Amino acid sequence: MVSAVLPVVLVALLSALQPPQEEGYREREVLDPGSNEWIPEAATDAPDSAIPEARRQLVVGRPDRSEDLLEDWVAENPEAARYYEGVYLLAESHFEQGDYFKAYEYFEQVVENTGGELFNKALLREMDVARAFLSGKKRRLLGVFRISAYDEAIDILDRIWERVPGTRLAEEAVKLKADYYFETGELDLAQDEYVALARDFPAGRYTQLALLRAAEAAAASYPGTPFTDEALLEADERYRQVGDLFPAFARREGVDTRRDGIREQRAEKDLAIGQWYEKVGRRSAAGYYYRLVLEQWPGTLAATEAEVRLRGVGDLPSAEAE
């Protein structure tokens, strides 16, 4: 029994000791006029390829050495079979050294000229470049200056969405952009992006959160009682949608309580209009708005105040006042 197992164990052990194979990617294809099919493009193998050593230098934390190896190799071997793999690794070398925009430029070369796994990997890394810029990482300019690159990050995310619409990566790009606008207080833009996220990915990972954030952005954009309450109307409608579509999630997030808060704000607005009319001596108009508050917003703090104010302008019957 032991003798039968021993050769199998030895084979497995010898296999484990073999160096890992290099990653290979199907990069470029051309249309064969004879068969009308896409076939691998003829390419030359560059002698003494720098790719394995460059990859090793990245693994051991020396992206500077990887960059040195690949800069010359890429320049000298544009027709090599693994050319865009080298460009991808060169991009990684710049990314690991914090030169994110230079990395992005090389990732873009890969995205524009390859397909399959290498294309997807490069696009994922472009997303990482956008994340870095949105988190405050600077873009290097002329090798000396460092400038903010928030606009560049948004452009990168837009291009990702355009290239792979309907995919998980596109969904992530829209959410990242929406979150950035929300966190920086650009609430109208945030609301638009969250609405697009929920609309374009109705069965996605972020649909519930997107609808909730859209409502939060609308509510937060309300400028106060002297202004129109359109934002509150929008927020209330979006909270209602959350409650209708995802009742359990809505209960956890206290959506009903939030809608009660919106009622209070809208009641305060109507009350404030009545108070202004009372202040300028237009008692009849003031009475109209105080009654409006009582009729439309019963049970609110503003309704209690409106009742008191109605007595003050003589528009509440004495019997009712008692």
Protein backbone atom coordinates (compact mmCIF):
# COMPACT_ATOMS: atom_id res chain seq x y z
CA MET A 1 0.00 0.00 0.00
CA VAL A 2 2.81 2.38 1.00
CA SER A 3 4.80 1.61 -2.17
CA ALA A 4 1.78 2.46 -4.32
CA VAL A 5 1.27 5.85 -2.68
CA LEU A 6 4.94 6.87 -2.63
CA PRO A 7 5.33 7.64 -6.39
CA VAL A 8 2.22 9.84 -6.29
CA VAL A 9 3.57 11.78 -3.34
CA LEU A 10 6.95 12.25 -5.05
CA VAL A 11 5.30 13.58 -8.22
CA ALA A 12 3.23 16.06 -6.23
CA LEU A 13 6.30 17.20 -4.29
CA LEU A 14 8.38 17.70 -7.45
CA SER A 15 5.52 19.67 -9.05
CA ALA A 16 5.32 21.96 -6.05
CA LEU A 17 9.02 22.71 -6.29
CA GLN A 18 8.75 23.84 -9.91
CA PRO A 19 8.87 27.66 -10.35
CA PRO A 20 5.43 29.20 -11.02
CA GLN A 21 4.63 29.78 -14.66
CA GLU A 22 4.62 33.30 -15.94
CA GLU A 23 1.23 34.86 -16.52
CA GLY A 24 0.40 35.10 -20.19
CA TYR A 25 -2.32 37.13 -21.86
CA ARG A 26 -3.98 36.97 -25.23
CA GLU A 27 -3.34 40.54 -26.29
CA ARG A 28 -3.84 41.36 -29.97
CA GLU A 29 -5.91 39.77 -32.70
CA VAL A 30 -6.36 40.51 -36.40
CA LEU A 31 -9.12 39.59 -38.84
CA ASP A 32 -8.02 36.80 -41.19
CA PRO A 33 -9.45 37.68 -44.64
CA GLY A 34 -9.43 34.03 -45.67
CA SER A 35 -11.46 32.57 -42.81
CA ASN A 36 -13.12 35.82 -41.72
CA GLU A 37 -12.16 34.95 -38.14
CA TRP A 38 -10.13 36.75 -35.51
CA ILE A 39 -6.72 35.14 -35.02
CA PRO A 40 -3.68 36.03 -32.85
CA GLU A 41 -1.53 38.66 -34.46
CA ALA A 42 1.91 37.53 -35.51
CA ALA A 43 4.46 38.94 -33.11
CA THR A 44 8.11 38.49 -32.32
CA ASP A 45 9.48 37.23 -29.05
CA ALA A 46 11.89 39.73 -27.58
CA PRO A 47 15.18 38.14 -26.53
CA ASP A 48 16.12 38.33 -22.87
CA SER A 49 12.66 39.52 -21.90
CA ALA A 50 12.67 41.84 -18.91
CA ILE A 51 9.17 40.83 -17.85
CA PRO A 52 9.96 37.98 -15.40
CA GLU A 53 12.59 40.02 -13.56
CA ALA A 54 10.44 43.14 -13.54
CA ARG A 55 7.59 41.14 -12.05
CA ARG A 56 9.92 39.76 -9.39
CA GLN A 57 11.11 43.25 -8.48
CA LEU A 58 7.50 44.35 -7.99
CA VAL A 59 6.87 41.37 -5.72
CA VAL A 60 9.89 42.16 -3.52
CA GLY A 61 8.89 45.82 -3.25
CA ARG A 62 11.32 47.42 -5.70
CA PRO A 63 9.07 49.14 -8.27
CA ASP A 64 11.88 51.53 -9.12
CA ARG A 65 14.01 48.67 -10.44
CA SER A 66 11.01 47.25 -12.26
CA GLU A 67 10.50 50.61 -13.94
CA ASP A 68 14.16 50.78 -15.00
CA LEU A 69 13.97 47.34 -16.57
CA LEU A 70 10.71 47.94 -18.41
CA GLU A 71 11.27 51.47 -19.72
CA ASP A 72 13.99 50.28 -22.10
CA TRP A 73 12.30 46.98 -22.92
CA VAL A 74 9.02 48.64 -23.88
CA ALA A 75 10.80 51.25 -25.98
CA GLU A 76 12.86 48.63 -27.83
CA ASN A 77 10.26 45.89 -28.36
CA PRO A 78 6.95 47.34 -29.60
CA GLU A 79 6.25 44.21 -31.66
CA ALA A 80 6.96 41.69 -28.91
CA ALA A 81 4.29 39.11 -28.15
CA ARG A 82 4.19 40.22 -24.52
CA TYR A 83 4.52 43.92 -25.23
CA TYR A 84 1.32 45.04 -23.48
CA GLU A 85 2.03 42.80 -20.54
CA GLY A 86 5.24 44.79 -20.19
CA VAL A 87 3.28 48.06 -20.47
CA TYR A 88 0.90 46.82 -17.77
CA LEU A 89 3.78 46.02 -15.43
CA LEU A 90 5.35 49.40 -16.19
CA ALA A 91 2.07 51.00 -15.14
CA GLU A 92 2.16 48.97 -11.93
CA SER A 93 5.70 50.18 -11.28
CA HIS A 94 4.59 53.82 -11.49
CA PHE A 95 1.49 53.17 -9.39
CA GLU A 96 3.51 51.59 -6.59
CA GLN A 97 5.79 54.64 -6.56
CA GLY A 98 2.83 57.02 -6.22
CA ASP A 99 2.96 58.42 -9.75
CA TYR A 100 -0.70 57.66 -10.31
CA PHE A 101 -1.34 59.68 -13.44
CA LYS A 102 1.68 58.23 -15.23
CA ALA A 103 0.41 54.79 -14.22
CA TYR A 104 -3.00 55.67 -15.62
CA GLU A 105 -1.50 56.69 -18.96
CA TYR A 106 0.15 53.27 -19.30
CA PHE A 107 -2.97 51.44 -18.12
CA GLU A 108 -4.87 53.33 -20.83
CA GLN A 109 -2.52 51.96 -23.48
CA VAL A 110 -3.34 48.46 -22.30
CA VAL A 111 -7.09 49.13 -22.22
CA GLU A 112 -7.11 50.63 -25.70
CA ASN A 113 -5.09 47.86 -27.33
CA THR A 114 -5.94 44.59 -25.60
CA GLY A 115 -8.89 42.45 -24.60
CA GLY A 116 -9.72 39.66 -22.21
CA GLU A 117 -8.03 39.32 -18.84
CA LEU A 118 -5.35 41.93 -19.37
CA PHE A 119 -7.97 44.49 -20.44
CA ASN A 120 -10.04 43.77 -17.32
CA LYS A 121 -7.04 43.96 -15.00
CA ALA A 122 -5.96 47.30 -16.46
CA LEU A 123 -9.48 48.70 -16.11
CA LEU A 124 -9.62 47.61 -12.47
CA ARG A 125 -6.34 49.38 -11.83
CA GLU A 126 -7.68 52.53 -13.47
CA MET A 127 -10.44 52.38 -10.86
CA ASP A 128 -7.72 52.26 -8.20
CA VAL A 129 -6.12 55.36 -9.72
CA ALA A 130 -9.48 57.16 -9.47
CA ARG A 131 -9.84 56.07 -5.84
CA ALA A 132 -6.38 57.38 -5.07
CA PHE A 133 -7.15 60.79 -6.58
CA LEU A 134 -10.54 61.04 -4.84
CA SER A 135 -8.88 60.23 -1.52
CA GLY A 136 -6.62 63.25 -1.95
CA LYS A 137 -3.55 61.78 -3.62
CA LYS A 138 -1.85 64.35 -5.84
CA ARG A 139 -0.98 64.23 -9.50
CA ARG A 140 2.66 64.86 -10.34
CA LEU A 141 3.23 67.67 -12.80
CA LEU A 142 6.59 68.13 -14.56
CA GLY A 143 8.12 65.84 -11.98
CA VAL A 144 8.12 68.61 -9.39
CA PHE A 145 4.66 70.01 -8.68
CA ARG A 146 1.82 68.10 -7.05
CA ILE A 147 -1.74 69.14 -7.85
CA SER A 148 -5.16 67.84 -6.93
CA ALA A 149 -6.73 65.53 -9.50
CA TYR A 150 -10.39 65.21 -8.48
CA ASP A 151 -11.62 66.17 -11.96
CA GLU A 152 -9.30 63.61 -13.54
CA ALA A 153 -10.72 60.95 -11.22
CA ILE A 154 -14.28 61.75 -12.30
CA ASP A 155 -13.23 61.57 -15.97
CA ILE A 156 -11.62 58.16 -15.36
CA LEU A 157 -14.80 56.84 -13.73
CA ASP A 158 -16.93 58.15 -16.60
CA ARG A 159 -14.74 56.39 -19.16
CA ILE A 160 -14.90 53.12 -17.22
CA TRP A 161 -18.70 53.33 -17.24
CA GLU A 162 -18.71 54.04 -20.99
CA ARG A 163 -16.44 51.10 -21.76
CA VAL A 164 -18.21 48.40 -19.75
CA PRO A 165 -21.80 49.59 -19.18
CA GLY A 166 -24.05 47.29 -17.20
CA THR A 167 -21.16 45.47 -15.52
CA ARG A 168 -20.17 45.28 -11.88
CA LEU A 169 -17.21 47.50 -12.62
CA ALA A 170 -19.49 50.16 -14.13
CA GLU A 171 -21.75 49.91 -11.09
CA GLU A 172 -18.77 50.43 -8.80
CA ALA A 173 -17.66 53.44 -10.86
CA VAL A 174 -21.05 55.14 -10.54
CA LYS A 175 -21.20 54.48 -6.79
CA LEU A 176 -17.68 55.80 -6.25
CA LYS A 177 -18.58 59.00 -8.06
CA ALA A 178 -21.88 59.38 -6.16
CA ASP A 179 -20.15 58.84 -2.81
CA TYR A 180 -17.55 61.47 -3.66
CA TYR A 181 -20.19 64.07 -4.50
CA PHE A 182 -22.15 63.19 -1.35
CA GLU A 183 -19.13 63.47 0.93
CA THR A 184 -18.01 66.78 -0.59
CA GLY A 185 -21.46 68.34 -0.28
CA GLU A 186 -22.26 68.49 -4.01
CA LEU A 187 -25.71 67.19 -3.18
CA ASP A 188 -27.50 67.80 -6.48
CA LEU A 189 -24.82 65.86 -8.34
CA ALA A 190 -24.83 63.16 -5.67
CA GLN A 191 -28.58 62.77 -5.98
CA ASP A 192 -28.34 62.43 -9.77
CA GLU A 193 -25.67 59.74 -9.51
CA TYR A 194 -27.49 57.73 -6.84
CA VAL A 195 -30.69 57.86 -8.89
CA ALA A 196 -28.73 56.63 -11.93
CA LEU A 197 -27.17 53.87 -9.81
CA ALA A 198 -30.58 52.62 -8.66
CA ARG A 199 -32.10 52.97 -12.13
CA ASP A 200 -29.32 51.36 -14.16
CA PHE A 201 -28.62 48.54 -11.68
CA PRO A 202 -32.03 47.68 -10.18
CA ALA A 203 -30.81 44.25 -9.08
CA GLY A 204 -27.35 45.46 -8.13
CA ARG A 205 -25.49 45.47 -4.85
CA TYR A 206 -26.24 49.08 -3.98
CA THR A 207 -29.87 49.62 -5.02
CA GLN A 208 -31.27 50.04 -1.50
CA LEU A 209 -28.38 52.24 -0.40
CA ALA A 210 -28.59 54.31 -3.60
CA LEU A 211 -32.28 55.11 -3.08
CA LEU A 212 -31.66 55.97 0.56
CA ARG A 213 -28.69 58.19 -0.26
CA ALA A 214 -30.67 59.94 -3.00
CA ALA A 215 -33.32 60.79 -0.40
CA GLU A 216 -30.68 61.93 2.10
CA ALA A 217 -29.01 64.12 -0.51
CA ALA A 218 -32.34 65.73 -1.41
CA ALA A 219 -33.20 66.37 2.24
CA ALA A 220 -29.76 67.80 2.97
CA SER A 221 -30.00 70.18 0.02
CA TYR A 222 -33.03 71.95 1.52
CA PRO A 223 -31.77 75.51 2.14
CA GLY A 224 -34.20 76.41 4.93
CA THR A 225 -37.62 77.96 5.59
CA PRO A 226 -37.13 81.16 3.53
CA PHE A 227 -36.75 79.06 0.38
CA THR A 228 -38.78 76.64 -1.69
CA ASP A 229 -39.44 73.22 -0.17
CA GLU A 230 -38.98 71.38 -3.47
CA ALA A 231 -36.02 69.49 -2.05
CA LEU A 232 -38.16 68.24 0.83
CA LEU A 233 -40.85 67.04 -1.57
CA GLU A 234 -38.20 65.16 -3.53
CA ALA A 235 -36.73 63.64 -0.38
CA ASP A 236 -40.12 62.53 0.92
CA GLU A 237 -40.94 60.83 -2.38
CA ARG A 238 -37.62 58.99 -2.41
CA TYR A 239 -38.04 57.86 1.20
CA ARG A 240 -41.51 56.62 0.25
CA GLN A 241 -39.98 54.57 -2.57
CA VAL A 242 -37.51 53.01 -0.14
CA GLY A 243 -40.36 52.08 2.18
CA ASP A 244 -42.47 50.60 -0.62
CA LEU A 245 -39.67 48.61 -2.26
CA PHE A 246 -37.59 47.57 0.75
CA PRO A 247 -39.78 47.66 3.88
CA ALA A 248 -37.39 45.74 6.14
CA PHE A 249 -34.45 47.92 5.09
CA ALA A 250 -36.62 51.03 5.58
CA ARG A 251 -37.47 49.99 9.13
CA ARG A 252 -33.81 49.44 9.97
CA GLU A 253 -32.91 52.86 8.57
CA GLY A 254 -35.77 54.66 10.36
CA VAL A 255 -37.37 55.91 7.14
CA ASP A 256 -40.73 56.63 8.81
CA THR A 257 -39.02 58.80 11.41
CA ARG A 258 -37.17 60.66 8.67
CA ARG A 259 -40.43 61.30 6.83
CA ASP A 260 -41.92 62.64 10.08
CA GLY A 261 -38.98 65.02 10.25
CA ILE A 262 -39.74 66.23 6.73
CA ARG A 263 -43.37 66.86 7.75
CA GLU A 264 -42.12 69.00 10.62
CA GLN A 265 -39.89 71.00 8.26
CA ARG A 266 -42.65 71.60 5.75
CA ALA A 267 -45.01 72.65 8.53
CA GLU A 268 -42.39 75.06 9.87
CA LYS A 269 -42.11 76.62 6.42
CA ASP A 270 -45.87 77.33 6.19
CA LEU A 271 -45.84 78.62 9.76
CA ALA A 272 -42.95 80.96 8.94
CA ILE A 273 -44.94 82.42 6.02
CA GLY A 274 -47.86 83.11 8.35
CA GLN A 275 -45.54 84.73 10.88
CA TRP A 276 -44.11 87.01 8.20
CA TYR A 277 -47.58 88.17 7.14
CA GLU A 278 -48.44 88.78 10.79
CA LYS A 279 -45.26 90.81 11.23
CA VAL A 280 -46.09 93.15 8.30
CA GLY A 281 -49.64 93.60 9.52
CA ARG A 282 -51.48 91.42 7.03
CA ARG A 283 -53.50 89.54 9.63
CA SER A 284 -55.94 87.94 7.19
CA ALA A 285 -53.13 86.37 5.14
CA ALA A 286 -51.43 85.29 8.35
CA GLY A 287 -54.64 83.61 9.51
CA TYR A 288 -54.88 81.76 6.20
CA TYR A 289 -51.42 80.19 6.62
CA TYR A 290 -51.98 79.37 10.29
CA ARG A 291 -55.16 77.51 9.35
CA LEU A 292 -53.28 75.80 6.53
CA VAL A 293 -50.74 74.48 9.03
CA LEU A 294 -53.53 73.13 11.25
CA GLU A 295 -55.24 71.40 8.34
CA GLN A 296 -52.22 69.96 6.51
CA TRP A 297 -49.80 69.28 9.34
CA PRO A 298 -51.80 68.17 12.37
CA GLY A 299 -49.79 66.84 15.27
CA THR A 300 -46.67 68.82 14.43
CA LEU A 301 -44.98 71.38 16.66
CA ALA A 302 -45.78 74.00 14.05
CA ALA A 303 -49.49 73.16 14.31
CA THR A 304 -49.41 73.82 18.06
CA GLU A 305 -47.76 77.18 17.42
CA ALA A 306 -50.20 78.02 14.61
CA GLU A 307 -53.15 77.50 16.94
CA VAL A 308 -51.70 79.97 19.40
CA ARG A 309 -50.98 82.45 16.63
CA LEU A 310 -54.53 82.23 15.30
CA ARG A 311 -55.82 83.46 18.64
CA GLY A 312 -53.39 86.33 18.44
CA VAL A 313 -54.67 87.55 15.08
CA GLY A 314 -58.28 87.11 16.18
CA ASP A 315 -58.98 84.40 13.62
CA LEU A 316 -59.84 81.61 16.04
CA PRO A 317 -63.38 81.64 17.50
CA SER A 318 -63.37 82.29 21.23
CA ALA A 319 -65.38 79.14 21.96
CA GLU A 320 -62.80 77.06 20.07
CA ALA A 321 -60.03 78.87 21.89
CA GLU A 322 -61.47 77.81 25.19
